[in-house]
Amino acid sequence: YLLSLTHREETAEEITQETFFKAMKSVGSF
């Protein structure tokens, strides 16, 4: 999904990592 937005593998990987970090911090609010 992020690769389709960014068109850059490195950026998509970086944001994916950040996404899961944020999800880990807020999983209780899901």
Full PDB file with SEQRES, HELIX, SHEET, SSBOND, CRYST1, ORIGX, SCALE, CONECT and MASTER records, all heavy atoms in Angstrom:
SEQRES   1 A   30  TYR LEU LEU SER LEU THR HIS ARG GLU GLU THR ALA GLU          
SEQRES   2 A   30  GLU ILE THR GLN GLU THR PHE PHE LYS ALA MET LYS SER          
SEQRES   3 A   30  VAL GLY SER PHE                                              
HELIX    1 AA1 LEU A    2  THR A    6  1                                   5    
HELIX    2 AA2 GLU A    9  SER A   26  1                                  18    
HELIX    3 AA3 VAL A   27  SER A   29  5                                   3    
CRYST1    1.000    1.000    1.000  90.00  90.00  90.00 P 1           1          
ORIGX1      1.000000  0.000000  0.000000        0.00000                         
ORIGX2      0.000000  1.000000  0.000000        0.00000                         
ORIGX3      0.000000  0.000000  1.000000        0.00000                         
SCALE1      1.000000  0.000000  0.000000        0.00000                         
SCALE2      0.000000  1.000000  0.000000        0.00000                         
SCALE3      0.000000  0.000000  1.000000        0.00000                         
ATOM      1  N   TYR A   1       0.842  -1.196   0.000  1.00  0.00           N  
ATOM      2  CA  TYR A   1       0.000   0.000   0.000  1.00  0.00           C  
ATOM      3  C   TYR A   1       0.882   1.252   0.000  1.00  0.00           C  
ATOM      4  O   TYR A   1       0.670   2.171  -0.798  1.00  0.00           O  
ATOM      5  CB  TYR A   1      -0.923  -0.016   1.225  1.00  0.00           C  
ATOM      6  CG  TYR A   1      -1.696   1.259   1.407  1.00  0.00           C  
ATOM      7  CD1 TYR A   1      -2.713   1.615   0.525  1.00  0.00           C  
ATOM      8  CD2 TYR A   1      -1.420   2.111   2.472  1.00  0.00           C  
ATOM      9  CE1 TYR A   1      -3.426   2.789   0.686  1.00  0.00           C  
ATOM     10  CE2 TYR A   1      -2.131   3.282   2.640  1.00  0.00           C  
ATOM     11  CZ  TYR A   1      -3.131   3.621   1.748  1.00  0.00           C  
ATOM     12  OH  TYR A   1      -3.828   4.784   1.913  1.00  0.00           O  
ATOM     13  N   LEU A   2       1.879   1.287   0.859  1.00  0.00           N  
ATOM     14  CA  LEU A   2       2.769   2.446   0.927  1.00  0.00           C  
ATOM     15  C   LEU A   2       3.615   2.577  -0.330  1.00  0.00           C  
ATOM     16  O   LEU A   2       3.887   3.689  -0.785  1.00  0.00           O  
ATOM     17  CB  LEU A   2       3.651   2.360   2.170  1.00  0.00           C  
ATOM     18  CG  LEU A   2       2.915   2.688   3.462  1.00  0.00           C  
ATOM     19  CD1 LEU A   2       3.711   2.237   4.673  1.00  0.00           C  
ATOM     20  CD2 LEU A   2       2.596   4.173   3.530  1.00  0.00           C  
ATOM     21  N   LEU A   3       4.007   1.471  -0.911  1.00  0.00           N  
ATOM     22  CA  LEU A   3       4.773   1.518  -2.158  1.00  0.00           C  
ATOM     23  C   LEU A   3       3.931   2.150  -3.261  1.00  0.00           C  
ATOM     24  O   LEU A   3       4.443   2.920  -4.080  1.00  0.00           O  
ATOM     25  CB  LEU A   3       5.235   0.117  -2.561  1.00  0.00           C  
ATOM     26  CG  LEU A   3       6.199   0.019  -3.731  1.00  0.00           C  
ATOM     27  CD1 LEU A   3       7.475   0.805  -3.460  1.00  0.00           C  
ATOM     28  CD2 LEU A   3       6.534  -1.442  -4.009  1.00  0.00           C  
ATOM     29  N   SER A   4       2.639   1.879  -3.253  1.00  0.00           N  
ATOM     30  CA  SER A   4       1.765   2.499  -4.255  1.00  0.00           C  
ATOM     31  C   SER A   4       1.634   4.006  -4.033  1.00  0.00           C  
ATOM     32  O   SER A   4       1.404   4.753  -4.971  1.00  0.00           O  
ATOM     33  CB  SER A   4       0.387   1.841  -4.253  1.00  0.00           C  
ATOM     34  OG  SER A   4      -0.369   2.234  -3.129  1.00  0.00           O  
ATOM     35  N   LEU A   5       1.801   4.450  -2.797  1.00  0.00           N  
ATOM     36  CA  LEU A   5       1.746   5.884  -2.503  1.00  0.00           C  
ATOM     37  C   LEU A   5       3.075   6.583  -2.780  1.00  0.00           C  
ATOM     38  O   LEU A   5       3.103   7.675  -3.327  1.00  0.00           O  
ATOM     39  CB  LEU A   5       1.369   6.116  -1.033  1.00  0.00           C  
ATOM     40  CG  LEU A   5      -0.031   5.729  -0.591  1.00  0.00           C  
ATOM     41  CD1 LEU A   5      -0.182   5.931   0.910  1.00  0.00           C  
ATOM     42  CD2 LEU A   5      -1.074   6.512  -1.341  1.00  0.00           C  
ATOM     43  N   THR A   6       4.177   5.927  -2.373  1.00  0.00           N  
ATOM     44  CA  THR A   6       5.482   6.589  -2.421  1.00  0.00           C  
ATOM     45  C   THR A   6       6.259   6.312  -3.703  1.00  0.00           C  
ATOM     46  O   THR A   6       7.081   7.123  -4.097  1.00  0.00           O  
ATOM     47  CB  THR A   6       6.366   6.126  -1.247  1.00  0.00           C  
ATOM     48  OG1 THR A   6       6.650   4.728  -1.388  1.00  0.00           O  
ATOM     49  CG2 THR A   6       5.698   6.401   0.091  1.00  0.00           C  
ATOM     50  N   HIS A   7       6.053   5.163  -4.298  1.00  0.00           N  
ATOM     51  CA  HIS A   7       6.796   4.720  -5.482  1.00  0.00           C  
ATOM     52  C   HIS A   7       8.292   4.581  -5.194  1.00  0.00           C  
ATOM     53  O   HIS A   7       9.097   4.631  -6.122  1.00  0.00           O  
ATOM     54  CB  HIS A   7       6.574   5.655  -6.677  1.00  0.00           C  
ATOM     55  CG  HIS A   7       5.130   5.850  -7.011  1.00  0.00           C  
ATOM     56  ND1 HIS A   7       4.375   4.868  -7.587  1.00  0.00           N  
ATOM     57  CD2 HIS A   7       4.309   6.904  -6.817  1.00  0.00           C  
ATOM     58  CE1 HIS A   7       3.144   5.315  -7.751  1.00  0.00           C  
ATOM     59  NE2 HIS A   7       3.071   6.532  -7.290  1.00  0.00           N  
ATOM     60  N   ARG A   8       8.649   4.431  -3.942  1.00  0.00           N  
ATOM     61  CA  ARG A   8      10.053   4.262  -3.549  1.00  0.00           C  
ATOM     62  C   ARG A   8      10.122   3.173  -2.493  1.00  0.00           C  
ATOM     63  O   ARG A   8       9.512   3.291  -1.434  1.00  0.00           O  
ATOM     64  CB  ARG A   8      10.615   5.570  -2.994  1.00  0.00           C  
ATOM     65  CG  ARG A   8      10.546   6.709  -4.014  1.00  0.00           C  
ATOM     66  CD  ARG A   8      11.309   7.873  -3.547  1.00  0.00           C  
ATOM     67  NE  ARG A   8      12.711   7.457  -3.555  1.00  0.00           N  
ATOM     68  CZ  ARG A   8      13.705   8.281  -3.383  1.00  0.00           C  
ATOM     69  NH1 ARG A   8      13.489   9.539  -3.184  1.00  0.00           N  
ATOM     70  NH2 ARG A   8      14.955   7.842  -3.410  1.00  0.00           N  
ATOM     71  N   GLU A   9      10.894   2.127  -2.787  1.00  0.00           N  
ATOM     72  CA  GLU A   9      10.975   0.983  -1.879  1.00  0.00           C  
ATOM     73  C   GLU A   9      11.492   1.376  -0.500  1.00  0.00           C  
ATOM     74  O   GLU A   9      10.950   0.946   0.516  1.00  0.00           O  
ATOM     75  CB  GLU A   9      11.865  -0.101  -2.482  1.00  0.00           C  
ATOM     76  CG  GLU A   9      11.252  -0.772  -3.690  1.00  0.00           C  
ATOM     77  CD  GLU A   9      12.144  -1.852  -4.295  1.00  0.00           C  
ATOM     78  OE1 GLU A   9      13.180  -2.199  -3.689  1.00  0.00           O  
ATOM     79  OE2 GLU A   9      11.784  -2.357  -5.367  1.00  0.00           O  
ATOM     80  N   GLU A  10      12.570   2.173  -0.466  1.00  0.00           N  
ATOM     81  CA  GLU A  10      13.176   2.552   0.817  1.00  0.00           C  
ATOM     82  C   GLU A  10      12.191   3.333   1.678  1.00  0.00           C  
ATOM     83  O   GLU A  10      12.071   3.090   2.879  1.00  0.00           O  
ATOM     84  CB  GLU A  10      14.439   3.397   0.612  1.00  0.00           C  
ATOM     85  CG  GLU A  10      15.480   2.791  -0.298  1.00  0.00           C  
ATOM     86  CD  GLU A  10      15.188   3.011  -1.783  1.00  0.00           C  
ATOM     87  OE1 GLU A  10      14.550   4.025  -2.156  1.00  0.00           O  
ATOM     88  OE2 GLU A  10      15.582   2.145  -2.574  1.00  0.00           O  
ATOM     89  N   THR A  11      11.500   4.274   1.052  1.00  0.00           N  
ATOM     90  CA  THR A  11      10.533   5.089   1.789  1.00  0.00           C  
ATOM     91  C   THR A  11       9.382   4.229   2.284  1.00  0.00           C  
ATOM     92  O   THR A  11       8.937   4.368   3.427  1.00  0.00           O  
ATOM     93  CB  THR A  11      10.006   6.230   0.889  1.00  0.00           C  
ATOM     94  OG1 THR A  11      11.122   6.973   0.384  1.00  0.00           O  
ATOM     95  CG2 THR A  11       9.093   7.160   1.658  1.00  0.00           C  
ATOM     96  N   ALA A  12       8.886   3.331   1.431  1.00  0.00           N  
ATOM     97  CA  ALA A  12       7.787   2.444   1.823  1.00  0.00           C  
ATOM     98  C   ALA A  12       8.205   1.564   3.001  1.00  0.00           C  
ATOM     99  O   ALA A  12       7.427   1.377   3.947  1.00  0.00           O  
ATOM    100  CB  ALA A  12       7.346   1.587   0.643  1.00  0.00           C  
ATOM    101  N   GLU A  13       9.422   1.038   2.977  1.00  0.00           N  
ATOM    102  CA  GLU A  13       9.916   0.210   4.088  1.00  0.00           C  
ATOM    103  C   GLU A  13       9.997   1.015   5.378  1.00  0.00           C  
ATOM    104  O   GLU A  13       9.575   0.553   6.439  1.00  0.00           O  
ATOM    105  CB  GLU A  13      11.288  -0.371   3.748  1.00  0.00           C  
ATOM    106  CG  GLU A  13      11.255  -1.473   2.731  1.00  0.00           C  
ATOM    107  CD  GLU A  13      12.639  -1.978   2.361  1.00  0.00           C  
ATOM    108  OE1 GLU A  13      13.608  -1.706   3.097  1.00  0.00           O  
ATOM    109  OE2 GLU A  13      12.748  -2.645   1.322  1.00  0.00           O  
ATOM    110  N   GLU A  14      10.542   2.218   5.266  1.00  0.00           N  
ATOM    111  CA  GLU A  14      10.702   3.076   6.440  1.00  0.00           C  
ATOM    112  C   GLU A  14       9.346   3.425   7.064  1.00  0.00           C  
ATOM    113  O   GLU A  14       9.161   3.319   8.278  1.00  0.00           O  
ATOM    114  CB  GLU A  14      11.429   4.361   6.025  1.00  0.00           C  
ATOM    115  CG  GLU A  14      11.656   5.338   7.144  1.00  0.00           C  
ATOM    116  CD  GLU A  14      12.341   6.592   6.635  1.00  0.00           C  
ATOM    117  OE1 GLU A  14      13.279   6.498   5.821  1.00  0.00           O  
ATOM    118  OE2 GLU A  14      11.909   7.681   7.063  1.00  0.00           O  
ATOM    119  N   ILE A  15       8.397   3.801   6.229  1.00  0.00           N  
ATOM    120  CA  ILE A  15       7.082   4.180   6.748  1.00  0.00           C  
ATOM    121  C   ILE A  15       6.337   2.953   7.266  1.00  0.00           C  
ATOM    122  O   ILE A  15       5.583   3.044   8.241  1.00  0.00           O  
ATOM    123  CB  ILE A  15       6.259   4.933   5.677  1.00  0.00           C  
ATOM    124  CG1 ILE A  15       6.981   6.229   5.281  1.00  0.00           C  
ATOM    125  CG2 ILE A  15       4.862   5.260   6.198  1.00  0.00           C  
ATOM    126  CD1 ILE A  15       6.347   6.960   4.107  1.00  0.00           C  
ATOM    127  N   THR A  16       6.550   1.808   6.653  1.00  0.00           N  
ATOM    128  CA  THR A  16       5.923   0.574   7.146  1.00  0.00           C  
ATOM    129  C   THR A  16       6.409   0.271   8.559  1.00  0.00           C  
ATOM    130  O   THR A  16       5.614  -0.067   9.444  1.00  0.00           O  
ATOM    131  CB  THR A  16       6.212  -0.612   6.209  1.00  0.00           C  
ATOM    132  OG1 THR A  16       5.717  -0.304   4.903  1.00  0.00           O  
ATOM    133  CG2 THR A  16       5.547  -1.883   6.704  1.00  0.00           C  
ATOM    134  N   GLN A  17       7.711   0.412   8.783  1.00  0.00           N  
ATOM    135  CA  GLN A  17       8.268   0.192  10.127  1.00  0.00           C  
ATOM    136  C   GLN A  17       7.646   1.171  11.119  1.00  0.00           C  
ATOM    137  O   GLN A  17       7.245   0.786  12.221  1.00  0.00           O  
ATOM    138  CB  GLN A  17       9.792   0.361  10.109  1.00  0.00           C  
ATOM    139  CG  GLN A  17      10.539  -0.646   9.275  1.00  0.00           C  
ATOM    140  CD  GLN A  17      10.416  -2.060   9.799  1.00  0.00           C  
ATOM    141  OE1 GLN A  17      10.164  -2.291  10.964  1.00  0.00           O  
ATOM    142  NE2 GLN A  17      10.590  -3.033   8.908  1.00  0.00           N  
ATOM    143  N   GLU A  18       7.569   2.431  10.721  1.00  0.00           N  
ATOM    144  CA  GLU A  18       6.983   3.462  11.583  1.00  0.00           C  
ATOM    145  C   GLU A  18       5.508   3.163  11.859  1.00  0.00           C  
ATOM    146  O   GLU A  18       5.021   3.367  12.965  1.00  0.00           O  
ATOM    147  CB  GLU A  18       7.140   4.840  10.930  1.00  0.00           C  
ATOM    148  CG  GLU A  18       6.606   5.978  11.743  1.00  0.00           C  
ATOM    149  CD  GLU A  18       7.391   6.254  13.021  1.00  0.00           C  
ATOM    150  OE1 GLU A  18       8.564   5.846  13.115  1.00  0.00           O  
ATOM    151  OE2 GLU A  18       6.814   6.877  13.932  1.00  0.00           O  
ATOM    152  N   THR A  19       4.811   2.655  10.853  1.00  0.00           N  
ATOM    153  CA  THR A  19       3.395   2.309  11.005  1.00  0.00           C  
ATOM    154  C   THR A  19       3.211   1.265  12.098  1.00  0.00           C  
ATOM    155  O   THR A  19       2.348   1.405  12.971  1.00  0.00           O  
ATOM    156  CB  THR A  19       2.821   1.782   9.666  1.00  0.00           C  
ATOM    157  OG1 THR A  19       2.890   2.836   8.705  1.00  0.00           O  
ATOM    158  CG2 THR A  19       1.400   1.289   9.817  1.00  0.00           C  
ATOM    159  N   PHE A  20       4.021   0.215  12.059  1.00  0.00           N  
ATOM    160  CA  PHE A  20       3.876  -0.839  13.057  1.00  0.00           C  
ATOM    161  C   PHE A  20       4.321  -0.370  14.440  1.00  0.00           C  
ATOM    162  O   PHE A  20       3.783  -0.808  15.456  1.00  0.00           O  
ATOM    163  CB  PHE A  20       4.606  -2.112  12.611  1.00  0.00           C  
ATOM    164  CG  PHE A  20       3.797  -2.886  11.617  1.00  0.00           C  
ATOM    165  CD1 PHE A  20       4.010  -2.733  10.260  1.00  0.00           C  
ATOM    166  CD2 PHE A  20       2.790  -3.745  12.026  1.00  0.00           C  
ATOM    167  CE1 PHE A  20       3.248  -3.428   9.333  1.00  0.00           C  
ATOM    168  CE2 PHE A  20       2.014  -4.440  11.117  1.00  0.00           C  
ATOM    169  CZ  PHE A  20       2.249  -4.280   9.760  1.00  0.00           C  
ATOM    170  N   PHE A  21       5.272   0.547  14.492  1.00  0.00           N  
ATOM    171  CA  PHE A  21       5.668   1.134  15.770  1.00  0.00           C  
ATOM    172  C   PHE A  21       4.488   1.912  16.359  1.00  0.00           C  
ATOM    173  O   PHE A  21       4.161   1.768  17.536  1.00  0.00           O  
ATOM    174  CB  PHE A  21       6.891   2.040  15.586  1.00  0.00           C  
ATOM    175  CG  PHE A  21       7.320   2.717  16.843  1.00  0.00           C  
ATOM    176  CD1 PHE A  21       7.932   2.007  17.864  1.00  0.00           C  
ATOM    177  CD2 PHE A  21       7.105   4.076  17.015  1.00  0.00           C  
ATOM    178  CE1 PHE A  21       8.320   2.634  19.040  1.00  0.00           C  
ATOM    179  CE2 PHE A  21       7.492   4.717  18.174  1.00  0.00           C  
ATOM    180  CZ  PHE A  21       8.099   3.993  19.195  1.00  0.00           C  
ATOM    181  N   LYS A  22       3.832   2.722  15.528  1.00  0.00           N  
ATOM    182  CA  LYS A  22       2.671   3.490  15.987  1.00  0.00           C  
ATOM    183  C   LYS A  22       1.524   2.556  16.369  1.00  0.00           C  
ATOM    184  O   LYS A  22       0.806   2.808  17.351  1.00  0.00           O  
ATOM    185  CB  LYS A  22       2.215   4.473  14.916  1.00  0.00           C  
ATOM    186  CG  LYS A  22       3.157   5.648  14.760  1.00  0.00           C  
ATOM    187  CD  LYS A  22       2.669   6.604  13.708  1.00  0.00           C  
ATOM    188  CE  LYS A  22       3.597   7.800  13.598  1.00  0.00           C  
ATOM    189  NZ  LYS A  22       3.108   8.791  12.632  1.00  0.00           N  
ATOM    190  N   ALA A  23       1.330   1.504  15.605  1.00  0.00           N  
ATOM    191  CA  ALA A  23       0.273   0.537  15.906  1.00  0.00           C  
ATOM    192  C   ALA A  23       0.538  -0.135  17.252  1.00  0.00           C  
ATOM    193  O   ALA A  23      -0.383  -0.349  18.044  1.00  0.00           O  
ATOM    194  CB  ALA A  23       0.171  -0.503  14.797  1.00  0.00           C  
ATOM    195  N   MET A  24       1.803  -0.448  17.509  1.00  0.00           N  
ATOM    196  CA  MET A  24       2.171  -1.080  18.776  1.00  0.00           C  
ATOM    197  C   MET A  24       1.823  -0.149  19.941  1.00  0.00           C  
ATOM    198  O   MET A  24       1.295  -0.593  20.956  1.00  0.00           O  
ATOM    199  CB  MET A  24       3.668  -1.397  18.785  1.00  0.00           C  
ATOM    200  CG  MET A  24       4.153  -2.069  20.053  1.00  0.00           C  
ATOM    201  SD  MET A  24       5.911  -2.459  20.004  1.00  0.00           S  
ATOM    202  CE  MET A  24       6.629  -0.824  20.080  1.00  0.00           C  
ATOM    203  N   LYS A  25       2.066   1.145  19.758  1.00  0.00           N  
ATOM    204  CA  LYS A  25       1.793   2.105  20.825  1.00  0.00           C  
ATOM    205  C   LYS A  25       0.294   2.318  21.036  1.00  0.00           C  
ATOM    206  O   LYS A  25      -0.127   2.650  22.133  1.00  0.00           O  
ATOM    207  CB  LYS A  25       2.465   3.447  20.527  1.00  0.00           C  
ATOM    208  CG  LYS A  25       3.968   3.380  20.634  1.00  0.00           C  
ATOM    209  CD  LYS A  25       4.726   4.675  20.445  1.00  0.00           C  
ATOM    210  CE  LYS A  25       3.998   5.869  20.002  1.00  0.00           C  
ATOM    211  NZ  LYS A  25       4.832   7.047  19.744  1.00  0.00           N  
ATOM    212  N   SER A  26      -0.496   2.122  19.979  1.00  0.00           N  
ATOM    213  CA  SER A  26      -1.924   2.439  20.098  1.00  0.00           C  
ATOM    214  C   SER A  26      -2.837   1.241  19.878  1.00  0.00           C  
ATOM    215  O   SER A  26      -4.027   1.425  19.623  1.00  0.00           O  
ATOM    216  CB  SER A  26      -2.277   3.560  19.121  1.00  0.00           C  
ATOM    217  OG  SER A  26      -2.043   3.162  17.798  1.00  0.00           O  
ATOM    218  N   VAL A  27      -2.305   0.034  19.972  1.00  0.00           N  
ATOM    219  CA  VAL A  27      -3.127  -1.162  19.733  1.00  0.00           C  
ATOM    220  C   VAL A  27      -4.298  -1.229  20.709  1.00  0.00           C  
ATOM    221  O   VAL A  27      -5.360  -1.734  20.376  1.00  0.00           O  
ATOM    222  CB  VAL A  27      -2.280  -2.458  19.750  1.00  0.00           C  
ATOM    223  CG1 VAL A  27      -1.851  -2.840  21.151  1.00  0.00           C  
ATOM    224  CG2 VAL A  27      -3.020  -3.592  19.067  1.00  0.00           C  
ATOM    225  N   GLY A  28      -4.136  -0.665  21.896  1.00  0.00           N  
ATOM    226  CA  GLY A  28      -5.222  -0.657  22.878  1.00  0.00           C  
ATOM    227  C   GLY A  28      -6.400   0.194  22.449  1.00  0.00           C  
ATOM    228  O   GLY A  28      -7.528  -0.018  22.900  1.00  0.00           O  
ATOM    229  N   SER A  29      -6.155   1.146  21.556  1.00  0.00           N  
ATOM    230  CA  SER A  29      -7.242   2.028  21.104  1.00  0.00           C  
ATOM    231  C   SER A  29      -7.965   1.470  19.875  1.00  0.00           C  
ATOM    232  O   SER A  29      -8.942   2.072  19.426  1.00  0.00           O  
ATOM    233  CB  SER A  29      -6.691   3.421  20.787  1.00  0.00           C  
ATOM    234  OG  SER A  29      -5.851   3.374  19.655  1.00  0.00           O  
ATOM    235  N   PHE A  30      -7.501   0.342  19.348  1.00  0.00           N  
ATOM    236  CA  PHE A  30      -8.185  -0.267  18.198  1.00  0.00           C  
ATOM    237  C   PHE A  30      -9.525  -0.814  18.674  1.00  0.00           C  
ATOM    238  O   PHE A  30      -9.591  -1.667  19.546  1.00  0.00           O  
ATOM    239  CB  PHE A  30      -7.330  -1.381  17.585  1.00  0.00           C  
ATOM    240  CG  PHE A  30      -8.009  -2.097  16.445  1.00  0.00           C  
ATOM    241  CD1 PHE A  30      -8.315  -1.426  15.273  1.00  0.00           C  
ATOM    242  CD2 PHE A  30      -8.345  -3.434  16.554  1.00  0.00           C  
ATOM    243  CE1 PHE A  30      -8.941  -2.076  14.219  1.00  0.00           C  
ATOM    244  CE2 PHE A  30      -8.970  -4.090  15.504  1.00  0.00           C  
ATOM    245  CZ  PHE A  30      -9.264  -3.403  14.344  1.00  0.00           C  
TER     246      PHE A  30                                                      
MASTER        0    0    0    3    0    0    0    6  245    1    0    3          
END                                                                             
